[in-house]
Amino acid sequence: MINRNLIRIRVVQLVYAWYQNTNKDLLTAEKELLFGLQKSYDLYYFLLLLMVELTDSYQNRIETRRNRFLPTEEDLHPNTHLINNKFILQLRENKQFQKQLTQRPMSWESNESFIKNLLDTILSSDFYQEYIAISDPTYKEDQEFWRKTFKQLIYLNEELDDILEDECIYWNDDVEIVQTFVMKTIKRFSAENGDQQPLLPMFKDDKDREYALKLLHNSILDEKEYRHLIEKHTEKWDFDRIAFMDLIVMQVALSEIFTFESIPTNVSLNEYIEIAKSYSTPKSGTFVNGILDAIVQEIKEEKRIFKK
């Protein structure tokens, strides 16, 4: 689940922090990288748990209304589609989900007000009304309801973003990416898999973990080589006045280009240009693009000369 885009962002942030710290220790930086990536993976489960918590909140609301002194007909005979939703029942019993929550406990308990308000929004939505109009929903209809709910009411929810930022400083940059993985997970669920439905692993394979550590190592250890190339191609600029984040983004980008030949250069360039746009100045994307492109062209030319 931890894709290379998340890894790139985390490495850029760590390399930036490396130069701000007086105590520079590569082993500590490694631990911080893996800890941050673990927190990104925790967010994936925290968002899956949100759907279960919303269901539990609805069930508690129904029970409270049933126990009123003078319950209405609706209180006594509420719609139970949400409670009996087959997708949620399957997620709740999922072995991988339960194991993760046991090993790394998490809860929405401190955000009861948000859960209540979000549930109200769901219950007043058009697609909820369409859902409860179905007399006996199929598994696919139950699944589709939550896919719509997540996409329309949870994805890019500003109040949720604020809550997640308060919950964990590592989640601020991860939310949008991780939410897309949750939506993919909902879509991939199959009734036939029961409680053995595979959830996304932290890393697709060991190569991604190795990529993360190697990118961090080389970005720091080969600093002089990368800085020399950057300075050489910024002769028209006052090197000391280049935005420090631009410098870090280019340093990490060159580390990837030089270290991982299996990654197409244009892929690396595009990813780091986007990081520069998001984390530096408004003009950083164009600047970083120009400098990195010039360095890459020079490297290609030198390789052609060497081969001759």
Protein backbone atom coordinates (compact mmCIF):
# COMPACT_ATOMS: atom_id res chain seq x y z
CA MET A 1 0.00 0.00 0.00
CA ILE A 2 2.91 2.33 0.71
CA ASN A 3 3.55 3.40 -2.86
CA ARG A 4 6.66 5.11 -4.14
CA ASN A 5 5.01 8.49 -4.24
CA LEU A 6 4.48 8.35 -0.47
CA ILE A 7 8.06 7.15 -0.03
CA ARG A 8 9.44 10.03 -2.13
CA ILE A 9 7.54 12.62 -0.09
CA ARG A 10 8.68 11.11 3.21
CA VAL A 11 12.33 10.95 2.08
CA VAL A 12 12.28 14.58 0.89
CA GLN A 13 10.88 15.61 4.28
CA LEU A 14 13.49 13.61 6.16
CA VAL A 15 16.42 14.87 4.10
CA TYR A 16 15.15 18.43 4.66
CA ALA A 17 14.99 17.76 8.41
CA TRP A 18 18.46 16.17 8.31
CA TYR A 19 20.04 19.52 7.53
CA GLN A 20 18.04 21.27 10.27
CA ASN A 21 19.23 18.89 12.98
CA THR A 22 22.56 19.26 14.75
CA ASN A 23 22.64 15.57 15.68
CA LYS A 24 22.98 13.86 12.29
CA ASP A 25 22.64 10.10 12.64
CA LEU A 26 21.73 7.98 9.61
CA LEU A 27 20.41 5.09 11.70
CA THR A 28 18.02 7.47 13.48
CA ALA A 29 16.89 8.83 10.10
CA GLU A 30 16.24 5.26 8.89
CA LYS A 31 14.11 4.52 11.94
CA GLU A 32 12.20 7.77 11.46
CA LEU A 33 11.53 6.88 7.81
CA LEU A 34 10.17 3.43 8.62
CA PHE A 35 8.16 4.80 11.56
CA GLY A 36 6.58 7.43 9.32
CA LEU A 37 5.69 4.85 6.69
CA GLN A 38 4.16 2.63 9.38
CA LYS A 39 2.00 5.56 10.47
CA SER A 40 0.83 5.96 6.85
CA TYR A 41 -0.22 2.31 6.91
CA ASP A 42 -2.01 2.87 10.23
CA LEU A 43 -4.06 5.60 8.54
CA TYR A 44 -5.33 3.03 6.01
CA TYR A 45 -6.79 0.96 8.86
CA PHE A 46 -8.03 4.02 10.72
CA LEU A 47 -10.13 4.97 7.68
CA LEU A 48 -11.43 1.42 7.26
CA LEU A 49 -12.39 1.48 10.95
CA LEU A 50 -14.32 4.71 10.35
CA MET A 51 -16.96 2.82 8.34
CA VAL A 52 -17.37 0.29 11.15
CA GLU A 53 -17.64 3.10 13.72
CA LEU A 54 -20.34 4.85 11.67
CA THR A 55 -22.30 1.59 11.57
CA ASP A 56 -21.93 1.14 15.34
CA SER A 57 -23.06 4.73 15.89
CA TYR A 58 -26.21 4.08 13.87
CA GLN A 59 -26.93 0.92 15.85
CA ASN A 60 -26.52 2.78 19.16
CA ARG A 61 -28.87 5.48 17.89
CA ILE A 62 -31.51 2.90 16.99
CA GLU A 63 -31.28 1.22 20.39
CA THR A 64 -31.54 4.56 22.18
CA ARG A 65 -34.68 5.51 20.26
CA ARG A 66 -36.27 2.11 20.81
CA ASN A 67 -35.86 2.59 24.56
CA ARG A 68 -37.59 5.97 24.64
CA PHE A 69 -40.50 6.38 27.05
CA LEU A 70 -42.85 6.92 24.10
CA PRO A 71 -41.15 5.52 21.00
CA THR A 72 -42.64 6.29 17.61
CA GLU A 73 -43.49 3.69 15.00
CA GLU A 74 -40.26 4.59 13.21
CA ASP A 75 -38.33 4.20 16.46
CA LEU A 76 -39.73 0.71 16.91
CA HIS A 77 -39.30 -0.33 13.28
CA PRO A 78 -36.20 1.46 11.92
CA ASN A 79 -34.51 0.63 8.66
CA THR A 80 -31.65 -1.76 9.43
CA HIS A 81 -29.88 -1.84 6.07
CA LEU A 82 -26.80 -0.15 7.55
CA ILE A 83 -26.57 -2.58 10.46
CA ASN A 84 -27.06 -5.62 8.22
CA ASN A 85 -24.78 -4.32 5.46
CA LYS A 86 -22.94 -7.41 4.23
CA PHE A 87 -19.80 -5.52 3.24
CA ILE A 88 -19.42 -3.99 6.73
CA LEU A 89 -20.14 -7.33 8.40
CA GLN A 90 -17.39 -8.89 6.30
CA LEU A 91 -14.95 -6.06 7.03
CA ARG A 92 -15.66 -6.26 10.77
CA GLU A 93 -14.82 -9.99 10.82
CA ASN A 94 -11.81 -9.72 8.49
CA LYS A 95 -8.85 -11.61 10.00
CA GLN A 96 -6.21 -9.18 8.76
CA PHE A 97 -8.26 -6.21 9.97
CA GLN A 98 -8.76 -7.73 13.42
CA LYS A 99 -5.09 -8.70 13.72
CA GLN A 100 -3.96 -5.15 12.88
CA LEU A 101 -6.34 -3.59 15.41
CA THR A 102 -5.07 -6.00 18.07
CA GLN A 103 -1.42 -5.26 17.33
CA ARG A 104 -1.89 -1.52 16.85
CA PRO A 105 -5.04 -0.45 18.75
CA MET A 106 -6.86 2.61 17.41
CA SER A 107 -10.21 4.24 18.07
CA TRP A 108 -12.54 7.04 16.92
CA GLU A 109 -13.85 7.46 20.47
CA SER A 110 -12.43 10.98 20.90
CA ASN A 111 -14.21 12.13 17.73
CA GLU A 112 -17.76 11.22 18.69
CA SER A 113 -19.16 14.55 17.50
CA PHE A 114 -17.63 14.14 14.05
CA ILE A 115 -19.01 10.58 13.78
CA LYS A 116 -22.49 11.79 14.75
CA ASN A 117 -22.47 14.67 12.25
CA LEU A 118 -21.09 12.52 9.45
CA LEU A 119 -23.74 9.89 10.13
CA ASP A 120 -26.44 12.59 9.92
CA THR A 121 -25.03 13.67 6.56
CA ILE A 122 -25.06 10.10 5.29
CA LEU A 123 -28.65 9.51 6.43
CA SER A 124 -29.85 12.66 4.70
CA SER A 125 -28.09 11.89 1.41
CA ASP A 126 -29.96 10.97 -1.78
CA PHE A 127 -28.02 7.77 -2.26
CA TYR A 128 -28.93 6.62 1.26
CA GLN A 129 -32.60 7.14 0.43
CA GLU A 130 -32.11 5.11 -2.74
CA TYR A 131 -30.34 2.42 -0.73
CA ILE A 132 -33.06 1.99 1.90
CA ALA A 133 -35.68 1.87 -0.85
CA ILE A 134 -34.20 -1.51 -1.87
CA SER A 135 -36.21 -4.17 -0.05
CA ASP A 136 -33.43 -6.74 0.28
CA PRO A 137 -30.00 -5.40 -0.82
CA THR A 138 -27.54 -7.79 -2.43
CA TYR A 139 -23.89 -7.92 -1.40
CA LYS A 140 -22.98 -5.77 -4.42
CA GLU A 141 -25.59 -3.17 -3.48
CA ASP A 142 -24.31 -3.08 0.11
CA GLN A 143 -20.76 -2.70 -1.17
CA GLU A 144 -21.72 0.00 -3.67
CA PHE A 145 -23.44 2.01 -0.95
CA TRP A 146 -20.21 2.28 1.02
CA ARG A 147 -18.15 2.99 -2.07
CA LYS A 148 -20.45 5.94 -2.84
CA THR A 149 -20.45 7.07 0.77
CA PHE A 150 -16.69 7.07 0.99
CA LYS A 151 -16.19 8.77 -2.36
CA GLN A 152 -18.82 11.48 -1.89
CA LEU A 153 -18.78 12.19 1.84
CA ILE A 154 -15.47 10.99 3.30
CA TYR A 155 -12.90 11.51 0.54
CA LEU A 156 -11.46 15.06 0.72
CA ASN A 157 -13.71 15.87 3.69
CA GLU A 158 -12.12 19.02 5.19
CA GLU A 159 -13.33 18.35 8.74
CA LEU A 160 -11.91 14.84 8.53
CA ASP A 161 -8.60 16.22 7.26
CA ASP A 162 -8.39 18.50 10.30
CA ILE A 163 -9.12 15.61 12.66
CA LEU A 164 -6.48 13.40 11.06
CA GLU A 165 -3.91 16.18 11.23
CA ASP A 166 -4.59 16.52 14.96
CA GLU A 167 -4.47 12.75 15.47
CA CYS A 168 -1.05 12.28 13.86
CA ILE A 169 1.46 14.74 12.38
CA TYR A 170 2.46 12.12 9.80
CA TRP A 171 -1.03 11.96 8.30
CA ASN A 172 -1.21 15.49 6.97
CA ASP A 173 0.56 14.61 3.71
CA ASP A 174 -0.87 11.09 3.38
CA VAL A 175 -4.61 11.58 3.57
CA GLU A 176 -5.53 11.95 -0.09
CA ILE A 177 -3.28 9.11 -1.27
CA VAL A 178 -4.37 6.69 1.48
CA GLN A 179 -8.05 7.49 0.88
CA THR A 180 -7.69 6.34 -2.73
CA PHE A 181 -6.35 3.02 -1.44
CA VAL A 182 -9.36 2.64 0.86
CA MET A 183 -11.71 3.14 -2.10
CA LYS A 184 -9.76 0.53 -4.09
CA THR A 185 -10.05 -1.85 -1.15
CA ILE A 186 -13.84 -1.43 -0.96
CA LYS A 187 -14.10 -2.17 -4.67
CA ARG A 188 -11.91 -5.29 -4.40
CA PHE A 189 -13.94 -6.95 -1.65
CA SER A 190 -15.65 -10.17 -2.65
CA ALA A 191 -18.28 -12.07 -0.67
CA GLU A 192 -16.61 -15.37 -1.61
CA ASN A 193 -13.47 -14.44 0.35
CA GLY A 194 -15.32 -14.16 3.66
CA ASP A 195 -13.10 -13.17 6.59
CA GLN A 196 -9.99 -14.04 4.54
CA GLN A 197 -10.47 -11.11 2.13
CA PRO A 198 -6.94 -9.77 1.49
CA LEU A 199 -6.34 -6.19 2.58
CA LEU A 200 -3.46 -4.19 1.18
CA PRO A 201 -0.04 -5.06 2.65
CA MET A 202 2.21 -2.30 3.99
CA PHE A 203 4.67 -2.83 1.14
CA LYS A 204 3.89 -4.54 -2.15
CA ASP A 205 7.16 -6.44 -1.72
CA ASP A 206 10.60 -6.11 -0.09
CA LYS A 207 11.83 -4.07 -3.05
CA ASP A 208 9.76 -1.06 -2.01
CA ARG A 209 11.17 -1.17 1.52
CA GLU A 210 14.70 -1.43 0.09
CA TYR A 211 13.92 1.42 -2.30
CA ALA A 212 12.90 3.66 0.61
CA LEU A 213 16.06 3.01 2.63
CA LYS A 214 18.41 3.20 -0.34
CA LEU A 215 16.87 6.45 -1.57
CA LEU A 216 17.36 7.98 1.88
CA HIS A 217 20.94 6.69 2.19
CA ASN A 218 22.13 7.88 -1.20
CA SER A 219 20.40 11.24 -0.96
CA ILE A 220 22.47 12.00 2.14
CA LEU A 221 25.72 10.11 1.48
CA ASP A 222 26.15 11.33 -2.12
CA GLU A 223 25.21 14.92 -1.29
CA LYS A 224 28.46 16.45 -2.66
CA GLU A 225 28.07 14.83 -6.08
CA TYR A 226 24.45 15.94 -6.45
CA ARG A 227 25.07 19.44 -5.10
CA HIS A 228 27.97 19.86 -7.56
CA LEU A 229 25.71 18.99 -10.49
CA ILE A 230 22.98 21.32 -9.28
CA GLU A 231 25.39 24.21 -8.72
CA LYS A 232 26.96 23.67 -12.14
CA HIS A 233 23.56 24.09 -13.84
CA THR A 234 22.46 27.07 -11.77
CA GLU A 235 25.30 29.39 -12.80
CA LYS A 236 22.82 32.13 -13.72
CA TRP A 237 21.38 31.95 -10.22
CA ASP A 238 22.78 32.90 -6.85
CA PHE A 239 23.20 29.36 -5.49
CA ASP A 240 22.85 30.50 -1.88
CA ARG A 241 19.48 32.10 -2.64
CA ILE A 242 17.88 29.03 -4.21
CA ALA A 243 14.93 27.89 -2.10
CA PHE A 244 16.29 25.24 0.26
CA MET A 245 13.35 22.91 -0.40
CA ASP A 246 14.04 23.16 -4.16
CA LEU A 247 17.61 22.11 -3.48
CA ILE A 248 16.50 19.14 -1.37
CA VAL A 249 13.92 18.01 -3.94
CA MET A 250 16.58 18.08 -6.69
CA GLN A 251 19.08 16.26 -4.48
CA VAL A 252 16.64 13.41 -3.76
CA ALA A 253 15.53 13.33 -7.41
CA LEU A 254 19.14 12.91 -8.57
CA SER A 255 19.63 10.18 -5.98
CA GLU A 256 16.73 8.28 -7.54
CA ILE A 257 17.86 8.89 -11.13
CA PHE A 258 21.44 7.76 -10.40
CA THR A 259 20.56 4.84 -8.12
CA PHE A 260 17.48 3.22 -9.68
CA GLU A 261 18.05 2.73 -13.39
CA SER A 262 14.93 0.55 -13.64
CA ILE A 263 12.73 3.59 -12.92
CA PRO A 264 12.19 5.61 -16.14
CA THR A 265 13.86 9.01 -15.83
CA ASN A 266 10.74 10.85 -16.98
CA VAL A 267 8.75 9.18 -14.18
CA SER A 268 11.25 10.36 -11.58
CA LEU A 269 11.32 13.88 -13.04
CA ASN A 270 7.53 14.18 -13.07
CA GLU A 271 7.15 12.95 -9.50
CA TYR A 272 9.73 15.33 -8.05
CA ILE A 273 8.44 18.29 -10.05
CA GLU A 274 5.01 17.66 -8.45
CA ILE A 275 6.61 17.46 -5.01
CA ALA A 276 8.37 20.78 -5.63
CA LYS A 277 5.05 22.36 -6.63
CA SER A 278 3.35 21.11 -3.48
CA TYR A 279 6.08 21.72 -0.90
CA SER A 280 8.07 24.72 -2.12
CA THR A 281 7.29 27.99 -3.95
CA PRO A 282 4.74 28.56 -6.77
CA LYS A 283 7.57 28.79 -9.31
CA SER A 284 9.48 25.78 -7.99
CA GLY A 285 7.98 23.25 -10.41
CA THR A 286 9.28 25.14 -13.46
CA PHE A 287 12.65 25.85 -11.86
CA VAL A 288 13.26 22.28 -10.67
CA ASN A 289 12.11 20.94 -14.03
CA GLY A 290 14.58 23.13 -15.91
CA ILE A 291 17.60 22.28 -13.74
CA LEU A 292 16.92 18.54 -13.54
CA ASP A 293 16.24 18.32 -17.27
CA ALA A 294 19.57 20.04 -18.04
CA ILE A 295 21.45 17.64 -15.72
CA VAL A 296 19.75 14.59 -17.24
CA GLN A 297 20.57 15.74 -20.80
CA GLU A 298 24.22 16.21 -19.81
CA ILE A 299 24.36 12.74 -18.27
CA LYS A 300 22.86 11.18 -21.41
CA GLU A 301 25.38 13.03 -23.59
CA GLU A 302 28.31 11.90 -21.46
CA LYS A 303 27.14 8.30 -21.63
CA ARG A 304 26.98 8.46 -25.43
CA ILE A 305 30.51 9.84 -25.59
CA PHE A 306 31.76 7.17 -23.19
CA LYS A 307 30.19 4.38 -25.25
CA LYS A 308 32.02 5.61 -28.37
